């Protein structure tokens, strides 16, 4: 099944890629799951979290653009949304839900 996941997002840090160290707080369950997924992907926890953050930022930027479009032109018609869902379903692309 095809996933709605960007394939052009780097899976590892590029050689010489500059990064900034930050700290964050995760609940135990989220941390456990993130470590598990990082191991599954063959990444360090830091690289996996950076990749997940880049992916989430792309999603949020897209949602922001939909908001801007709707502010200028009004809500996207329900029939257009249904048509888009059908298009995704026909291709086996599942939607991610927050």
C-alpha atoms as a PDB file:
ATOM      1  CA  UNK A   1       0.000   0.000   0.000  1.00  0.00           C
ATOM      2  CA  UNK A   2       1.336   3.423  -0.929  1.00  0.00           C
ATOM      3  CA  UNK A   3       1.791   5.819   1.964  1.00  0.00           C
ATOM      4  CA  UNK A   4       1.300   9.573   1.791  1.00  0.00           C
ATOM      5  CA  UNK A   5       4.855  10.167   2.943  1.00  0.00           C
ATOM      6  CA  UNK A   6       7.404  12.349   1.177  1.00  0.00           C
ATOM      7  CA  UNK A   7      10.271  10.293  -0.185  1.00  0.00           C
ATOM      8  CA  UNK A   8      12.538  13.277  -0.816  1.00  0.00           C
ATOM      9  CA  UNK A   9      12.990  13.941   2.905  1.00  0.00           C
ATOM     10  CA  UNK A  10      16.543  12.848   3.763  1.00  0.00           C
ATOM     11  CA  UNK A  11      16.730   9.800   5.989  1.00  0.00           C
ATOM     12  CA  UNK A  12      20.133  10.722   7.425  1.00  0.00           C
ATOM     13  CA  UNK A  13      21.988  13.928   8.006  1.00  0.00           C
ATOM     14  CA  UNK A  14      23.986  14.957   4.966  1.00  0.00           C
ATOM     15  CA  UNK A  15      27.747  15.112   5.434  1.00  0.00           C
ATOM     16  CA  UNK A  16      28.650  18.421   7.009  1.00  0.00           C
ATOM     17  CA  UNK A  17      25.001  19.352   7.603  1.00  0.00           C
ATOM     18  CA  UNK A  18      24.909  21.991  10.296  1.00  0.00           C
ATOM     19  CA  UNK A  19      22.515  21.422  13.136  1.00  0.00           C
ATOM     20  CA  UNK A  20      21.630  23.145  16.371  1.00  0.00           C
ATOM     21  CA  UNK A  21      21.294  21.278  19.577  1.00  0.00           C
ATOM     22  CA  UNK A  22      17.934  21.735  21.300  1.00  0.00           C
ATOM     23  CA  UNK A  23      16.322  20.070  24.243  1.00  0.00           C
ATOM     24  CA  UNK A  24      12.760  18.856  24.451  1.00  0.00           C
ATOM     25  CA  UNK A  25      10.509  17.009  26.833  1.00  0.00           C
ATOM     26  CA  UNK A  26       8.602  13.908  25.711  1.00  0.00           C
ATOM     27  CA  UNK A  27       6.274  11.773  27.756  1.00  0.00           C
ATOM     28  CA  UNK A  28       7.564   8.246  28.373  1.00  0.00           C
ATOM     29  CA  UNK A  29       5.242   6.560  25.871  1.00  0.00           C
ATOM     30  CA  UNK A  30       6.122   8.956  23.050  1.00  0.00           C
ATOM     31  CA  UNK A  31       9.837   8.593  23.790  1.00  0.00           C
ATOM     32  CA  UNK A  32       9.568   4.790  23.805  1.00  0.00           C
ATOM     33  CA  UNK A  33       7.742   4.786  20.472  1.00  0.00           C
ATOM     34  CA  UNK A  34      10.151   7.306  18.911  1.00  0.00           C
ATOM     35  CA  UNK A  35      13.149   5.200  19.967  1.00  0.00           C
ATOM     36  CA  UNK A  36      11.482   2.102  18.554  1.00  0.00           C
ATOM     37  CA  UNK A  37      10.793   3.801  15.215  1.00  0.00           C
ATOM     38  CA  UNK A  38      14.310   5.280  15.045  1.00  0.00           C
ATOM     39  CA  UNK A  39      15.784   1.827  15.563  1.00  0.00           C
ATOM     40  CA  UNK A  40      13.440   0.365  12.947  1.00  0.00           C
ATOM     41  CA  UNK A  41      14.541   3.070  10.468  1.00  0.00           C
ATOM     42  CA  UNK A  42      18.215   2.521  11.309  1.00  0.00           C
ATOM     43  CA  UNK A  43      18.593   6.087  12.564  1.00  0.00           C
ATOM     44  CA  UNK A  44      19.754   7.729  15.722  1.00  0.00           C
ATOM     45  CA  UNK A  45      16.936   9.128  17.832  1.00  0.00           C
ATOM     46  CA  UNK A  46      18.145  12.641  16.991  1.00  0.00           C
ATOM     47  CA  UNK A  47      18.126  11.989  13.218  1.00  0.00           C
ATOM     48  CA  UNK A  48      14.694  10.360  13.413  1.00  0.00           C
ATOM     49  CA  UNK A  49      13.244  13.274  15.401  1.00  0.00           C
ATOM     50  CA  UNK A  50      14.751  15.764  12.921  1.00  0.00           C
ATOM     51  CA  UNK A  51      13.209  13.852  10.004  1.00  0.00           C
ATOM     52  CA  UNK A  52       9.829  13.620  11.770  1.00  0.00           C
ATOM     53  CA  UNK A  53       9.947  17.347  12.506  1.00  0.00           C
ATOM     54  CA  UNK A  54      10.731  18.224   8.868  1.00  0.00           C
ATOM     55  CA  UNK A  55       7.842  16.036   7.727  1.00  0.00           C
ATOM     56  CA  UNK A  56       5.430  17.576  10.230  1.00  0.00           C
ATOM     57  CA  UNK A  57       6.500  21.097   9.243  1.00  0.00           C
ATOM     58  CA  UNK A  58       5.705  20.267   5.597  1.00  0.00           C
ATOM     59  CA  UNK A  59       2.223  19.075   6.606  1.00  0.00           C
ATOM     60  CA  UNK A  60       1.575  22.189   8.709  1.00  0.00           C
ATOM     61  CA  UNK A  61       2.792  24.471   5.897  1.00  0.00           C
ATOM     62  CA  UNK A  62       0.341  22.787   3.522  1.00  0.00           C
ATOM     63  CA  UNK A  63      -2.512  23.229   5.987  1.00  0.00           C
ATOM     64  CA  UNK A  64      -1.587  26.890   6.402  1.00  0.00           C
ATOM     65  CA  UNK A  65      -1.783  27.354   2.630  1.00  0.00           C
ATOM     66  CA  UNK A  66      -5.252  25.764   2.584  1.00  0.00           C
ATOM     67  CA  UNK A  67      -6.299  28.250   5.286  1.00  0.00           C
ATOM     68  CA  UNK A  68      -4.934  31.123   3.192  1.00  0.00           C
ATOM     69  CA  UNK A  69      -6.727  29.846   0.084  1.00  0.00           C
ATOM     70  CA  UNK A  70     -10.015  29.518   1.959  1.00  0.00           C
ATOM     71  CA  UNK A  71      -9.620  32.982   3.484  1.00  0.00           C
ATOM     72  CA  UNK A  72      -9.317  34.440  -0.018  1.00  0.00           C
ATOM     73  CA  UNK A  73     -11.728  32.254  -2.011  1.00  0.00           C
ATOM     74  CA  UNK A  74     -13.999  30.668   0.595  1.00  0.00           C
ATOM     75  CA  UNK A  75     -14.294  27.078   1.778  1.00  0.00           C
ATOM     76  CA  UNK A  76     -13.317  24.265  -0.559  1.00  0.00           C
ATOM     77  CA  UNK A  77     -16.596  22.742  -1.800  1.00  0.00           C
ATOM     78  CA  UNK A  78     -17.627  19.416  -0.250  1.00  0.00           C
ATOM     79  CA  UNK A  79     -17.840  17.742  -3.666  1.00  0.00           C
ATOM     80  CA  UNK A  80     -14.212  18.703  -4.383  1.00  0.00           C
ATOM     81  CA  UNK A  81     -13.136  17.255  -1.014  1.00  0.00           C
ATOM     82  CA  UNK A  82     -15.038  14.017  -1.736  1.00  0.00           C
ATOM     83  CA  UNK A  83     -13.437  13.833  -5.180  1.00  0.00           C
ATOM     84  CA  UNK A  84      -9.984  14.270  -3.635  1.00  0.00           C
ATOM     85  CA  UNK A  85     -10.722  11.500  -1.087  1.00  0.00           C
ATOM     86  CA  UNK A  86     -11.859   9.175  -3.877  1.00  0.00           C
ATOM     87  CA  UNK A  87      -8.686   9.935  -5.853  1.00  0.00           C
ATOM     88  CA  UNK A  88      -6.550   9.042  -2.828  1.00  0.00           C
ATOM     89  CA  UNK A  89      -8.603   5.904  -2.110  1.00  0.00           C
ATOM     90  CA  UNK A  90      -8.237   4.675  -5.707  1.00  0.00           C
ATOM     91  CA  UNK A  91      -4.477   4.867  -5.313  1.00  0.00           C
ATOM     92  CA  UNK A  92      -4.396   3.245  -1.890  1.00  0.00           C
ATOM     93  CA  UNK A  93      -3.038   6.370  -0.231  1.00  0.00           C
ATOM     94  CA  UNK A  94      -4.137   6.576   3.351  1.00  0.00           C
ATOM     95  CA  UNK A  95      -4.559   9.823   5.182  1.00  0.00           C
ATOM     96  CA  UNK A  96      -2.802  10.596   8.411  1.00  0.00           C
ATOM     97  CA  UNK A  97      -5.013  11.749  11.235  1.00  0.00           C
ATOM     98  CA  UNK A  98      -3.730  13.849  14.143  1.00  0.00           C
END
